[in-house]
């Protein structure tokens, strides 16, 4: 699986969702620029040091941000008031605004991944 597989996933998404997810992809890569892009559980995901640290998905009526950890979103719940969330998924019509306003969601996942912690030290 590779960035090309993520490209294929996005090609199958209708506008305006595709444009939103493409921008989200760029935003995630700004936070974790060395992440390997893969498909995991049938959705685009980003792997650092062998661990999935972020992902996204398109559905009929919404888009989702996936931190691939059940501890990230509950730990940041007070920062995400107003968003529909489960323990491991943020569901919102304006997903891009969510991630741009909350890069802590991505960085926090890196702190819960023992093999990824060095990555935080190596990036600004």
PDB file of N, CA and C in Angstrom:
ATOM      1  N   UNK A   1       0.838  -1.179   0.000  1.00  0.00           N
ATOM      2  CA  UNK A   1       0.000   0.000   0.000  1.00  0.00           C
ATOM      3  C   UNK A   1       0.885   1.245   0.000  1.00  0.00           C
ATOM      4  N   UNK A   2       0.400   2.279  -0.683  1.00  0.00           N
ATOM      5  CA  UNK A   2       1.241   3.458  -0.832  1.00  0.00           C
ATOM      6  C   UNK A   2       0.402   4.704  -1.072  1.00  0.00           C
ATOM      7  N   UNK A   3       1.096   5.806  -1.290  1.00  0.00           N
ATOM      8  CA  UNK A   3       0.411   7.057  -1.602  1.00  0.00           C
ATOM      9  C   UNK A   3      -0.464   6.899  -2.841  1.00  0.00           C
ATOM     10  N   UNK A   4      -0.041   6.048  -3.766  1.00  0.00           N
ATOM     11  CA  UNK A   4      -0.854   5.830  -4.967  1.00  0.00           C
ATOM     12  C   UNK A   4      -2.190   5.171  -4.611  1.00  0.00           C
ATOM     13  N   UNK A   5      -2.193   4.304  -3.606  1.00  0.00           N
ATOM     14  CA  UNK A   5      -3.442   3.688  -3.154  1.00  0.00           C
ATOM     15  C   UNK A   5      -4.361   4.735  -2.524  1.00  0.00           C
ATOM     16  N   UNK A   6      -3.769   5.680  -1.813  1.00  0.00           N
ATOM     17  CA  UNK A   6      -4.558   6.772  -1.236  1.00  0.00           C
ATOM     18  C   UNK A   6      -5.122   7.626  -2.369  1.00  0.00           C
ATOM     19  N   UNK A   7      -4.316   7.872  -3.402  1.00  0.00           N
ATOM     20  CA  UNK A   7      -4.805   8.612  -4.570  1.00  0.00           C
ATOM     21  C   UNK A   7      -6.025   7.917  -5.166  1.00  0.00           C
ATOM     22  N   UNK A   8      -5.955   6.593  -5.318  1.00  0.00           N
ATOM     23  CA  UNK A   8      -7.077   5.836  -5.889  1.00  0.00           C
ATOM     24  C   UNK A   8      -8.321   5.943  -5.013  1.00  0.00           C
ATOM     25  N   UNK A   9      -8.135   5.877  -3.703  1.00  0.00           N
ATOM     26  CA  UNK A   9      -9.265   6.036  -2.781  1.00  0.00           C
ATOM     27  C   UNK A   9      -9.929   7.388  -3.006  1.00  0.00           C
ATOM     28  N   UNK A  10      -9.110   8.422  -3.063  1.00  0.00           N
ATOM     29  CA  UNK A  10      -9.647   9.775  -3.221  1.00  0.00           C
ATOM     30  C   UNK A  10     -10.326   9.968  -4.576  1.00  0.00           C
ATOM     31  N   UNK A  11      -9.815   9.325  -5.613  1.00  0.00           N
ATOM     32  CA  UNK A  11     -10.434   9.443  -6.933  1.00  0.00           C
ATOM     33  C   UNK A  11     -11.858   8.901  -6.936  1.00  0.00           C
ATOM     34  N   UNK A  12     -12.149   7.980  -6.030  1.00  0.00           N
ATOM     35  CA  UNK A  12     -13.485   7.408  -5.954  1.00  0.00           C
ATOM     36  C   UNK A  12     -14.467   8.208  -5.118  1.00  0.00           C
ATOM     37  N   UNK A  13     -14.020   9.344  -4.581  1.00  0.00           N
ATOM     38  CA  UNK A  13     -14.867  10.181  -3.730  1.00  0.00           C
ATOM     39  C   UNK A  13     -15.394  11.350  -4.549  1.00  0.00           C
ATOM     40  N   UNK A  14     -16.683  11.640  -4.411  1.00  0.00           N
ATOM     41  CA  UNK A  14     -17.296  12.769  -5.115  1.00  0.00           C
ATOM     42  C   UNK A  14     -16.902  14.096  -4.480  1.00  0.00           C
ATOM     43  N   UNK A  15     -16.956  15.140  -5.293  1.00  0.00           N
ATOM     44  CA  UNK A  15     -16.763  16.500  -4.787  1.00  0.00           C
ATOM     45  C   UNK A  15     -18.016  16.911  -4.014  1.00  0.00           C
ATOM     46  N   UNK A  16     -17.901  17.781  -3.042  1.00  0.00           N
ATOM     47  CA  UNK A  16     -16.699  18.486  -2.581  1.00  0.00           C
ATOM     48  C   UNK A  16     -15.887  17.698  -1.558  1.00  0.00           C
ATOM     49  N   UNK A  17     -16.342  16.492  -1.233  1.00  0.00           N
ATOM     50  CA  UNK A  17     -15.632  15.693  -0.230  1.00  0.00           C
ATOM     51  C   UNK A  17     -14.190  15.409  -0.643  1.00  0.00           C
ATOM     52  N   UNK A  18     -13.972  15.124  -1.925  1.00  0.00           N
ATOM     53  CA  UNK A  18     -12.609  14.800  -2.381  1.00  0.00           C
ATOM     54  C   UNK A  18     -11.656  15.959  -2.106  1.00  0.00           C
ATOM     55  N   UNK A  19     -12.046  17.147  -2.485  1.00  0.00           N
ATOM     56  CA  UNK A  19     -11.182  18.308  -2.278  1.00  0.00           C
ATOM     57  C   UNK A  19     -10.890  18.509  -0.797  1.00  0.00           C
ATOM     58  N   UNK A  20     -11.899  18.310   0.036  1.00  0.00           N
ATOM     59  CA  UNK A  20     -11.706  18.452   1.481  1.00  0.00           C
ATOM     60  C   UNK A  20     -10.712  17.423   1.990  1.00  0.00           C
ATOM     61  N   UNK A  21     -10.866  16.170   1.567  1.00  0.00           N
ATOM     62  CA  UNK A  21      -9.951  15.129   2.039  1.00  0.00           C
ATOM     63  C   UNK A  21      -8.549  15.299   1.478  1.00  0.00           C
ATOM     64  N   UNK A  22      -8.424  15.812   0.259  1.00  0.00           N
ATOM     65  CA  UNK A  22      -7.090  16.084  -0.283  1.00  0.00           C
ATOM     66  C   UNK A  22      -6.393  17.167   0.537  1.00  0.00           C
ATOM     67  N   UNK A  23      -7.143  18.189   0.930  1.00  0.00           N
ATOM     68  CA  UNK A  23      -6.571  19.246   1.772  1.00  0.00           C
ATOM     69  C   UNK A  23      -6.240  18.700   3.159  1.00  0.00           C
ATOM     70  N   UNK A  24      -7.083  17.830   3.675  1.00  0.00           N
ATOM     71  CA  UNK A  24      -6.812  17.198   4.975  1.00  0.00           C
ATOM     72  C   UNK A  24      -5.539  16.365   4.901  1.00  0.00           C
ATOM     73  N   UNK A  25      -5.384  15.649   3.825  1.00  0.00           N
ATOM     74  CA  UNK A  25      -4.171  14.850   3.604  1.00  0.00           C
ATOM     75  C   UNK A  25      -2.935  15.741   3.672  1.00  0.00           C
ATOM     76  N   UNK A  26      -2.968  16.866   2.978  1.00  0.00           N
ATOM     77  CA  UNK A  26      -1.829  17.791   3.011  1.00  0.00           C
ATOM     78  C   UNK A  26      -1.595  18.323   4.428  1.00  0.00           C
ATOM     79  N   UNK A  27      -2.683  18.612   5.143  1.00  0.00           N
ATOM     80  CA  UNK A  27      -2.564  19.138   6.498  1.00  0.00           C
ATOM     81  C   UNK A  27      -1.928  18.109   7.431  1.00  0.00           C
ATOM     82  N   UNK A  28      -2.358  16.863   7.340  1.00  0.00           N
ATOM     83  CA  UNK A  28      -1.766  15.807   8.165  1.00  0.00           C
ATOM     84  C   UNK A  28      -0.282  15.673   7.838  1.00  0.00           C
ATOM     85  N   UNK A  29       0.064  15.725   6.553  1.00  0.00           N
ATOM     86  CA  UNK A  29       1.470  15.605   6.158  1.00  0.00           C
ATOM     87  C   UNK A  29       2.299  16.808   6.602  1.00  0.00           C
ATOM     88  N   UNK A  30       1.673  17.953   6.831  1.00  0.00           N
ATOM     89  CA  UNK A  30       2.402  19.087   7.399  1.00  0.00           C
ATOM     90  C   UNK A  30       2.811  18.782   8.833  1.00  0.00           C
ATOM     91  N   UNK A  31       1.950  18.072   9.566  1.00  0.00           N
ATOM     92  CA  UNK A  31       2.236  17.730  10.956  1.00  0.00           C
ATOM     93  C   UNK A  31       3.205  16.549  11.046  1.00  0.00           C
ATOM     94  N   UNK A  32       3.015  15.553  10.185  1.00  0.00           N
ATOM     95  CA  UNK A  32       3.888  14.366  10.171  1.00  0.00           C
ATOM     96  C   UNK A  32       4.417  14.164   8.751  1.00  0.00           C
ATOM     97  N   UNK A  33       5.352  15.019   8.313  1.00  0.00           N
ATOM     98  CA  UNK A  33       5.797  15.009   6.916  1.00  0.00           C
ATOM     99  C   UNK A  33       6.460  13.720   6.453  1.00  0.00           C
ATOM    100  N   UNK A  34       7.019  12.951   7.354  1.00  0.00           N
ATOM    101  CA  UNK A  34       7.690  11.716   6.958  1.00  0.00           C
ATOM    102  C   UNK A  34       6.789  10.490   7.052  1.00  0.00           C
ATOM    103  N   UNK A  35       5.518  10.708   7.335  1.00  0.00           N
ATOM    104  CA  UNK A  35       4.607   9.572   7.480  1.00  0.00           C
ATOM    105  C   UNK A  35       4.458   8.821   6.159  1.00  0.00           C
ATOM    106  N   UNK A  36       4.367   7.510   6.274  1.00  0.00           N
ATOM    107  CA  UNK A  36       4.104   6.664   5.117  1.00  0.00           C
ATOM    108  C   UNK A  36       2.591   6.630   4.910  1.00  0.00           C
ATOM    109  N   UNK A  37       2.151   6.892   3.692  1.00  0.00           N
ATOM    110  CA  UNK A  37       0.728   6.859   3.389  1.00  0.00           C
ATOM    111  C   UNK A  37       0.335   5.445   2.995  1.00  0.00           C
ATOM    112  N   UNK A  38      -0.716   4.942   3.635  1.00  0.00           N
ATOM    113  CA  UNK A  38      -1.163   3.565   3.415  1.00  0.00           C
ATOM    114  C   UNK A  38      -2.690   3.503   3.439  1.00  0.00           C
ATOM    115  N   UNK A  39      -3.208   2.346   3.105  1.00  0.00           N
ATOM    116  CA  UNK A  39      -4.614   2.057   3.324  1.00  0.00           C
ATOM    117  C   UNK A  39      -4.663   1.068   4.488  1.00  0.00           C
ATOM    118  N   UNK A  40      -5.415   1.410   5.522  1.00  0.00           N
ATOM    119  CA  UNK A  40      -5.556   0.541   6.682  1.00  0.00           C
ATOM    120  C   UNK A  40      -7.039   0.466   7.031  1.00  0.00           C
ATOM    121  N   UNK A  41      -7.546  -0.729   7.199  1.00  0.00           N
ATOM    122  CA  UNK A  41      -8.978  -0.921   7.446  1.00  0.00           C
ATOM    123  C   UNK A  41      -9.815  -0.254   6.357  1.00  0.00           C
ATOM    124  N   UNK A  42      -9.311  -0.298   5.132  1.00  0.00           N
ATOM    125  CA  UNK A  42      -9.986   0.207   3.936  1.00  0.00           C
ATOM    126  C   UNK A  42     -10.101   1.732   3.871  1.00  0.00           C
ATOM    127  N   UNK A  43      -9.307   2.450   4.671  1.00  0.00           N
ATOM    128  CA  UNK A  43      -9.316   3.915   4.623  1.00  0.00           C
ATOM    129  C   UNK A  43      -7.884   4.440   4.565  1.00  0.00           C
ATOM    130  N   UNK A  44      -7.682   5.641   4.021  1.00  0.00           N
ATOM    131  CA  UNK A  44      -6.347   6.243   4.009  1.00  0.00           C
ATOM    132  C   UNK A  44      -5.833   6.462   5.429  1.00  0.00           C
ATOM    133  N   UNK A  45      -4.564   6.142   5.617  1.00  0.00           N
ATOM    134  CA  UNK A  45      -3.958   6.287   6.932  1.00  0.00           C
ATOM    135  C   UNK A  45      -2.496   6.704   6.773  1.00  0.00           C
ATOM    136  N   UNK A  46      -1.910   7.133   7.880  1.00  0.00           N
ATOM    137  CA  UNK A  46      -0.542   7.642   7.888  1.00  0.00           C
ATOM    138  C   UNK A  46       0.229   6.901   8.973  1.00  0.00           C
ATOM    139  N   UNK A  47       1.345   6.282   8.572  1.00  0.00           N
ATOM    140  CA  UNK A  47       2.113   5.437   9.476  1.00  0.00           C
ATOM    141  C   UNK A  47       3.453   6.098   9.783  1.00  0.00           C
ATOM    142  N   UNK A  48       3.806   6.092  11.070  1.00  0.00           N
ATOM    143  CA  UNK A  48       5.094   6.596  11.542  1.00  0.00           C
ATOM    144  C   UNK A  48       5.709   5.495  12.398  1.00  0.00           C
ATOM    145  N   UNK A  49       6.934   5.102  12.073  1.00  0.00           N
ATOM    146  CA  UNK A  49       7.628   4.062  12.824  1.00  0.00           C
ATOM    147  C   UNK A  49       6.777   2.811  12.993  1.00  0.00           C
ATOM    148  N   UNK A  50       6.072   2.446  11.944  1.00  0.00           N
ATOM    149  CA  UNK A  50       5.295   1.219  11.959  1.00  0.00           C
ATOM    150  C   UNK A  50       3.927   1.312  12.602  1.00  0.00           C
ATOM    151  N   UNK A  51       3.553   2.487  13.121  1.00  0.00           N
ATOM    152  CA  UNK A  51       2.264   2.655  13.789  1.00  0.00           C
ATOM    153  C   UNK A  51       1.404   3.661  13.038  1.00  0.00           C
ATOM    154  N   UNK A  52       0.131   3.347  12.887  1.00  0.00           N
ATOM    155  CA  UNK A  52      -0.811   4.279  12.261  1.00  0.00           C
ATOM    156  C   UNK A  52      -1.091   5.398  13.256  1.00  0.00           C
ATOM    157  N   UNK A  53      -0.906   6.649  12.815  1.00  0.00           N
ATOM    158  CA  UNK A  53      -1.091   7.791  13.710  1.00  0.00           C
ATOM    159  C   UNK A  53      -2.238   8.708  13.302  1.00  0.00           C
ATOM    160  N   UNK A  54      -2.784   8.524  12.112  1.00  0.00           N
ATOM    161  CA  UNK A  54      -3.900   9.359  11.664  1.00  0.00           C
ATOM    162  C   UNK A  54      -4.532   8.701  10.441  1.00  0.00           C
ATOM    163  N   UNK A  55      -5.780   9.052  10.213  1.00  0.00           N
ATOM    164  CA  UNK A  55      -6.467   8.560   9.029  1.00  0.00           C
ATOM    165  C   UNK A  55      -7.733   9.353   8.798  1.00  0.00           C
ATOM    166  N   UNK A  56      -8.372   9.094   7.679  1.00  0.00           N
ATOM    167  CA  UNK A  56      -9.632   9.767   7.384  1.00  0.00           C
ATOM    168  C   UNK A  56     -10.485   8.875   6.512  1.00  0.00           C
ATOM    169  N   UNK A  57     -11.768   9.211   6.460  1.00  0.00           N
ATOM    170  CA  UNK A  57     -12.686   8.415   5.651  1.00  0.00           C
ATOM    171  C   UNK A  57     -13.856   9.275   5.197  1.00  0.00           C
ATOM    172  N   UNK A  58     -14.426   8.897   4.065  1.00  0.00           N
ATOM    173  CA  UNK A  58     -15.610   9.572   3.533  1.00  0.00           C
ATOM    174  C   UNK A  58     -16.795   8.617   3.614  1.00  0.00           C
ATOM    175  N   UNK A  59     -17.910   9.152   4.027  1.00  0.00           N
ATOM    176  CA  UNK A  59     -19.149   8.397   4.091  1.00  0.00           C
ATOM    177  C   UNK A  59     -20.232   9.197   3.380  1.00  0.00           C
ATOM    178  N   UNK A  60     -21.393   8.642   3.259  1.00  0.00           N
ATOM    179  CA  UNK A  60     -22.465   9.292   2.506  1.00  0.00           C
ATOM    180  C   UNK A  60     -22.761  10.703   3.019  1.00  0.00           C
ATOM    181  N   UNK A  61     -22.892  10.849   4.330  1.00  0.00           N
ATOM    182  CA  UNK A  61     -23.328  12.133   4.883  1.00  0.00           C
ATOM    183  C   UNK A  61     -22.281  12.880   5.701  1.00  0.00           C
ATOM    184  N   UNK A  62     -21.084  12.344   5.783  1.00  0.00           N
ATOM    185  CA  UNK A  62     -20.072  13.026   6.585  1.00  0.00           C
ATOM    186  C   UNK A  62     -18.671  12.528   6.233  1.00  0.00           C
ATOM    187  N   UNK A  63     -17.714  13.216   6.813  1.00  0.00           N
ATOM    188  CA  UNK A  63     -16.308  12.828   6.739  1.00  0.00           C
ATOM    189  C   UNK A  63     -15.835  12.552   8.158  1.00  0.00           C
ATOM    190  N   UNK A  64     -14.849  11.687   8.308  1.00  0.00           N
ATOM    191  CA  UNK A  64     -14.342  11.364   9.640  1.00  0.00           C
ATOM    192  C   UNK A  64     -12.829  11.487   9.704  1.00  0.00           C
ATOM    193  N   UNK A  65     -12.352  11.989  10.843  1.00  0.00           N
ATOM    194  CA  UNK A  65     -10.932  11.980  11.180  1.00  0.00           C
ATOM    195  C   UNK A  65     -10.726  10.817  12.153  1.00  0.00           C
ATOM    196  N   UNK A  66      -9.710  10.006  11.909  1.00  0.00           N
ATOM    197  CA  UNK A  66      -9.463   8.809  12.711  1.00  0.00           C
ATOM    198  C   UNK A  66      -8.060   8.854  13.302  1.00  0.00           C
ATOM    199  N   UNK A  67      -7.929   8.999  14.607  1.00  0.00           N
ATOM    200  CA  UNK A  67      -6.584   8.995  15.196  1.00  0.00           C
ATOM    201  C   UNK A  67      -6.019   7.592  15.424  1.00  0.00           C
ATOM    202  N   UNK A  68      -6.811   6.550  15.153  1.00  0.00           N
ATOM    203  CA  UNK A  68      -6.370   5.165  15.335  1.00  0.00           C
ATOM    204  C   UNK A  68      -5.884   4.911  16.758  1.00  0.00           C
ATOM    205  N   UNK A  69      -6.564   5.522  17.710  1.00  0.00           N
ATOM    206  CA  UNK A  69      -6.280   5.316  19.129  1.00  0.00           C
ATOM    207  C   UNK A  69      -7.514   5.723  19.915  1.00  0.00           C
ATOM    208  N   UNK A  70      -7.894   4.915  20.873  1.00  0.00           N
ATOM    209  CA  UNK A  70      -9.050   5.247  21.698  1.00  0.00           C
ATOM    210  C   UNK A  70      -8.744   6.218  22.815  1.00  0.00           C
ATOM    211  N   UNK A  71      -7.490   6.625  22.962  1.00  0.00           N
ATOM    212  CA  UNK A  71      -7.137   7.521  24.065  1.00  0.00           C
ATOM    213  C   UNK A  71      -6.947   8.977  23.648  1.00  0.00           C
ATOM    214  N   UNK A  72      -6.741   9.241  22.370  1.00  0.00           N
ATOM    215  CA  UNK A  72      -6.443  10.603  21.917  1.00  0.00           C
ATOM    216  C   UNK A  72      -7.635  11.543  22.089  1.00  0.00           C
ATOM    217  N   UNK A  73      -8.763  11.201  21.521  1.00  0.00           N
ATOM    218  CA  UNK A  73      -9.902  12.116  21.541  1.00  0.00           C
ATOM    219  C   UNK A  73     -10.466  12.339  22.943  1.00  0.00           C
ATOM    220  N   UNK A  74     -10.627  11.309  23.771  1.00  0.00           N
ATOM    221  CA  UNK A  74     -11.096  11.581  25.134  1.00  0.00           C
ATOM    222  C   UNK A  74     -10.147  12.508  25.899  1.00  0.00           C
ATOM    223  N   UNK A  75      -8.850  12.371  25.674  1.00  0.00           N
ATOM    224  CA  UNK A  75      -7.881  13.220  26.368  1.00  0.00           C
ATOM    225  C   UNK A  75      -7.998  14.681  25.942  1.00  0.00           C
ATOM    226  N   UNK A  76      -8.482  14.908  24.732  1.00  0.00           N
ATOM    227  CA  UNK A  76      -8.592  16.276  24.208  1.00  0.00           C
ATOM    228  C   UNK A  76     -10.049  16.737  24.111  1.00  0.00           C
ATOM    229  N   UNK A  77     -10.965  16.037  24.755  1.00  0.00           N
ATOM    230  CA  UNK A  77     -12.406  16.291  24.600  1.00  0.00           C
ATOM    231  C   UNK A  77     -12.797  17.740  24.861  1.00  0.00           C
ATOM    232  N   UNK A  78     -12.196  18.384  25.857  1.00  0.00           N
ATOM    233  CA  UNK A  78     -12.582  19.762  26.161  1.00  0.00           C
ATOM    234  C   UNK A  78     -12.234  20.716  25.022  1.00  0.00           C
ATOM    235  N   UNK A  79     -11.204  20.381  24.251  1.00  0.00           N
ATOM    236  CA  UNK A  79     -10.825  21.219  23.113  1.00  0.00           C
ATOM    237  C   UNK A  79     -11.744  21.016  21.919  1.00  0.00           C
ATOM    238  N   UNK A  80     -12.473  19.913  21.903  1.00  0.00           N
ATOM    239  CA  UNK A  80     -13.284  19.563  20.743  1.00  0.00           C
ATOM    240  C   UNK A  80     -14.776  19.689  20.996  1.00  0.00           C
ATOM    241  N   UNK A  81     -15.159  20.510  21.952  1.00  0.00           N
ATOM    242  CA  UNK A  81     -16.581  20.713  22.215  1.00  0.00           C
ATOM    243  C   UNK A  81     -17.263  21.209  20.949  1.00  0.00           C
ATOM    244  N   UNK A  82     -18.459  20.701  20.715  1.00  0.00           N
ATOM    245  CA  UNK A  82     -19.213  21.102  19.534  1.00  0.00           C
ATOM    246  C   UNK A  82     -19.072  20.142  18.369  1.00  0.00           C
ATOM    247  N   UNK A  83     -18.119  19.214  18.462  1.00  0.00           N
ATOM    248  CA  UNK A  83     -17.944  18.210  17.415  1.00  0.00           C
ATOM    249  C   UNK A  83     -18.600  16.907  17.850  1.00  0.00           C
ATOM    250  N   UNK A  84     -19.123  16.167  16.903  1.00  0.00           N
ATOM    251  CA  UNK A  84     -19.650  14.844  17.195  1.00  0.00           C
ATOM    252  C   UNK A  84     -18.475  13.883  17.217  1.00  0.00           C
ATOM    253  N   UNK A  85     -18.333  13.178  18.345  1.00  0.00           N
ATOM    254  CA  UNK A  85     -17.196  12.269  18.492  1.00  0.00           C
ATOM    255  C   UNK A  85     -17.647  10.972  19.138  1.00  0.00           C
ATOM    256  N   UNK A  86     -16.910   9.940  18.827  1.00  0.00           N
ATOM    257  CA  UNK A  86     -16.947   8.716  19.608  1.00  0.00           C
ATOM    258  C   UNK A  86     -15.595   8.671  20.308  1.00  0.00           C
ATOM    259  N   UNK A  87     -15.286   7.560  20.925  1.00  0.00           N
ATOM    260  CA  UNK A  87     -13.994   7.422  21.591  1.00  0.00           C
ATOM    261  C   UNK A  87     -12.834   7.491  20.606  1.00  0.00           C
ATOM    262  N   UNK A  88     -13.106   7.134  19.329  1.00  0.00           N
ATOM    263  CA  UNK A  88     -11.992   7.047  18.386  1.00  0.00           C
ATOM    264  C   UNK A  88     -12.233   7.703  17.033  1.00  0.00           C
ATOM    265  N   UNK A  89     -13.332   8.464  16.883  1.00  0.00           N
ATOM    266  CA  UNK A  89     -13.636   9.089  15.591  1.00  0.00           C
ATOM    267  C   UNK A  89     -14.257  10.462  15.809  1.00  0.00           C
ATOM    268  N   UNK A  90     -13.815  11.430  15.002  1.00  0.00           N
ATOM    269  CA  UNK A  90     -14.480  12.730  14.936  1.00  0.00           C
ATOM    270  C   UNK A  90     -15.298  12.736  13.657  1.00  0.00           C
ATOM    271  N   UNK A  91     -16.577  13.032  13.788  1.00  0.00           N
ATOM    272  CA  UNK A  91     -17.477  13.083  12.639  1.00  0.00           C
ATOM    273  C   UNK A  91     -17.912  14.531  12.474  1.00  0.00           C
ATOM    274  N   UNK A  92     -17.655  15.110  11.313  1.00  0.00           N
ATOM    275  CA  UNK A  92     -18.034  16.494  11.091  1.00  0.00           C
ATOM    276  C   UNK A  92     -18.162  16.780   9.605  1.00  0.00           C
ATOM    277  N   UNK A  93     -19.034  17.699   9.283  1.00  0.00           N
ATOM    278  CA  UNK A  93     -19.179  18.113   7.890  1.00  0.00           C
ATOM    279  C   UNK A  93     -17.990  18.977   7.476  1.00  0.00           C
ATOM    280  N   UNK A  94     -17.343  19.652   8.442  1.00  0.00           N
ATOM    281  CA  UNK A  94     -16.203  20.514   8.141  1.00  0.00           C
ATOM    282  C   UNK A  94     -14.934  19.932   8.751  1.00  0.00           C
ATOM    283  N   UNK A  95     -14.556  18.780   8.270  1.00  0.00           N
ATOM    284  CA  UNK A  95     -13.417  18.045   8.812  1.00  0.00           C
ATOM    285  C   UNK A  95     -12.108  18.799   8.673  1.00  0.00           C
ATOM    286  N   UNK A  96     -11.923  19.461   7.565  1.00  0.00           N
ATOM    287  CA  UNK A  96     -10.678  20.188   7.346  1.00  0.00           C
ATOM    288  C   UNK A  96     -10.491  21.282   8.388  1.00  0.00           C
ATOM    289  N   UNK A  97     -11.547  22.022   8.671  1.00  0.00           N
ATOM    290  CA  UNK A  97     -11.463  23.071   9.686  1.00  0.00           C
ATOM    291  C   UNK A  97     -11.110  22.468  11.044  1.00  0.00           C
ATOM    292  N   UNK A  98     -11.668  21.312  11.332  1.00  0.00           N
ATOM    293  CA  UNK A  98     -11.369  20.649  12.609  1.00  0.00           C
ATOM    294  C   UNK A  98      -9.881  20.352  12.726  1.00  0.00           C
ATOM    295  N   UNK A  99      -9.308  19.705  11.744  1.00  0.00           N
ATOM    296  CA  UNK A  99      -7.908  19.300  11.846  1.00  0.00           C
ATOM    297  C   UNK A  99      -6.980  20.505  11.795  1.00  0.00           C
ATOM    298  N   UNK A 100      -7.293  21.489  10.972  1.00  0.00           N
ATOM    299  CA  UNK A 100      -6.438  22.687  10.921  1.00  0.00           C
ATOM    300  C   UNK A 100      -6.478  23.432  12.248  1.00  0.00           C
ATOM    301  N   UNK A 101      -7.636  23.434  12.894  1.00  0.00           N
ATOM    302  CA  UNK A 101      -7.767  24.136  14.171  1.00  0.00           C
ATOM    303  C   UNK A 101      -7.225  23.307  15.333  1.00  0.00           C
ATOM    304  N   UNK A 102      -7.048  22.007  15.118  1.00  0.00           N
ATOM    305  CA  UNK A 102      -6.676  21.118  16.212  1.00  0.00           C
ATOM    306  C   UNK A 102      -5.529  20.172  15.848  1.00  0.00           C
ATOM    307  N   UNK A 103      -4.388  20.705  15.445  1.00  0.00           N
ATOM    308  CA  UNK A 103      -3.279  19.799  15.118  1.00  0.00           C
ATOM    309  C   UNK A 103      -2.846  18.971  16.317  1.00  0.00           C
ATOM    310  N   UNK A 104      -3.289  19.368  17.515  1.00  0.00           N
ATOM    311  CA  UNK A 104      -2.971  18.589  18.705  1.00  0.00           C
ATOM    312  C   UNK A 104      -3.526  17.182  18.601  1.00  0.00           C
ATOM    313  N   UNK A 105      -4.595  16.990  17.848  1.00  0.00           N
ATOM    314  CA  UNK A 105      -5.162  15.654  17.689  1.00  0.00           C
ATOM    315  C   UNK A 105      -4.150  14.724  17.025  1.00  0.00           C
ATOM    316  N   UNK A 106      -3.383  15.246  16.096  1.00  0.00           N
ATOM    317  CA  UNK A 106      -2.384  14.431  15.415  1.00  0.00           C
ATOM    318  C   UNK A 106      -1.146  14.276  16.303  1.00  0.00           C
ATOM    319  N   UNK A 107      -0.674  15.366  16.849  1.00  0.00           N
ATOM    320  CA  UNK A 107       0.515  15.301  17.700  1.00  0.00           C
ATOM    321  C   UNK A 107       0.270  14.434  18.933  1.00  0.00           C
ATOM    322  N   UNK A 108      -0.925  14.515  19.503  1.00  0.00           N
ATOM    323  CA  UNK A 108      -1.237  13.717  20.680  1.00  0.00           C
ATOM    324  C   UNK A 108      -1.148  12.234  20.384  1.00  0.00           C
ATOM    325  N   UNK A 109      -1.583  11.822  19.207  1.00  0.00           N
ATOM    326  CA  UNK A 109      -1.485  10.406  18.834  1.00  0.00           C
ATOM    327  C   UNK A 109      -0.030   9.965  18.812  1.00  0.00           C
ATOM    328  N   UNK A 110       0.856  10.841  18.389  1.00  0.00           N
ATOM    329  CA  UNK A 110       2.274  10.496  18.371  1.00  0.00           C
ATOM    330  C   UNK A 110       2.789  10.244  19.787  1.00  0.00           C
ATOM    331  N   UNK A 111       2.266  10.973  20.767  1.00  0.00           N
ATOM    332  CA  UNK A 111       2.734  10.784  22.145  1.00  0.00           C
ATOM    333  C   UNK A 111       2.231   9.482  22.748  1.00  0.00           C
ATOM    334  N   UNK A 112       1.134   8.927  22.227  1.00  0.00           N
ATOM    335  CA  UNK A 112       0.615   7.665  22.763  1.00  0.00           C
ATOM    336  C   UNK A 112       1.252   6.457  22.090  1.00  0.00           C
ATOM    337  N   UNK A 113       2.065   6.689  21.127  1.00  0.00           N
ATOM    338  CA  UNK A 113       2.721   5.613  20.376  1.00  0.00           C
ATOM    339  C   UNK A 113       4.179   5.560  20.832  1.00  0.00           C
ATOM    340  N   UNK A 114       4.543   4.599  21.688  1.00  0.00           N
ATOM    341  CA  UNK A 114       5.901   4.576  22.246  1.00  0.00           C
ATOM    342  C   UNK A 114       7.012   4.647  21.204  1.00  0.00           C
ATOM    343  N   UNK A 115       6.845   3.974  20.082  1.00  0.00           N
ATOM    344  CA  UNK A 115       7.901   3.996  19.078  1.00  0.00           C
ATOM    345  C   UNK A 115       7.917   5.286  18.272  1.00  0.00           C
ATOM    346  N   UNK A 116       6.874   6.124  18.425  1.00  0.00           N
ATOM    347  CA  UNK A 116       6.788   7.370  17.655  1.00  0.00           C
ATOM    348  C   UNK A 116       7.263   8.587  18.440  1.00  0.00           C
ATOM    349  N   UNK A 117       7.463   8.447  19.726  1.00  0.00           N
ATOM    350  CA  UNK A 117       7.778   9.622  20.552  1.00  0.00           C
ATOM    351  C   UNK A 117       9.019  10.350  20.086  1.00  0.00           C
ATOM    352  N   UNK A 118      10.022   9.591  19.604  1.00  0.00           N
ATOM    353  CA  UNK A 118      11.230  10.243  19.122  1.00  0.00           C
ATOM    354  C   UNK A 118      10.909  11.184  17.968  1.00  0.00           C
ATOM    355  N   UNK A 119       9.873  10.874  17.223  1.00  0.00           N
ATOM    356  CA  UNK A 119       9.492  11.689  16.074  1.00  0.00           C
ATOM    357  C   UNK A 119       9.154  13.105  16.527  1.00  0.00           C
ATOM    358  N   UNK A 120       8.460  13.231  17.660  1.00  0.00           N
ATOM    359  CA  UNK A 120       8.125  14.547  18.177  1.00  0.00           C
ATOM    360  C   UNK A 120       9.372  15.337  18.520  1.00  0.00           C
ATOM    361  N   UNK A 121      10.385  14.673  19.020  1.00  0.00           N
ATOM    362  CA  UNK A 121      11.631  15.357  19.369  1.00  0.00           C
ATOM    363  C   UNK A 121      12.382  15.823  18.142  1.00  0.00           C
ATOM    364  N   UNK A 122      12.198  15.125  17.039  1.00  0.00           N
ATOM    365  CA  UNK A 122      12.952  15.420  15.831  1.00  0.00           C
ATOM    366  C   UNK A 122      12.251  16.427  14.918  1.00  0.00           C
ATOM    367  N   UNK A 123      10.999  16.776  15.247  1.00  0.00           N
ATOM    368  CA  UNK A 123      10.261  17.708  14.396  1.00  0.00           C
ATOM    369  C   UNK A 123       9.939  18.974  15.170  1.00  0.00           C
ATOM    370  N   UNK A 124       9.892  20.100  14.466  1.00  0.00           N
ATOM    371  CA  UNK A 124       9.587  21.372  15.149  1.00  0.00           C
ATOM    372  C   UNK A 124       8.172  21.410  15.662  1.00  0.00           C
TER     373      UNK A 124
END
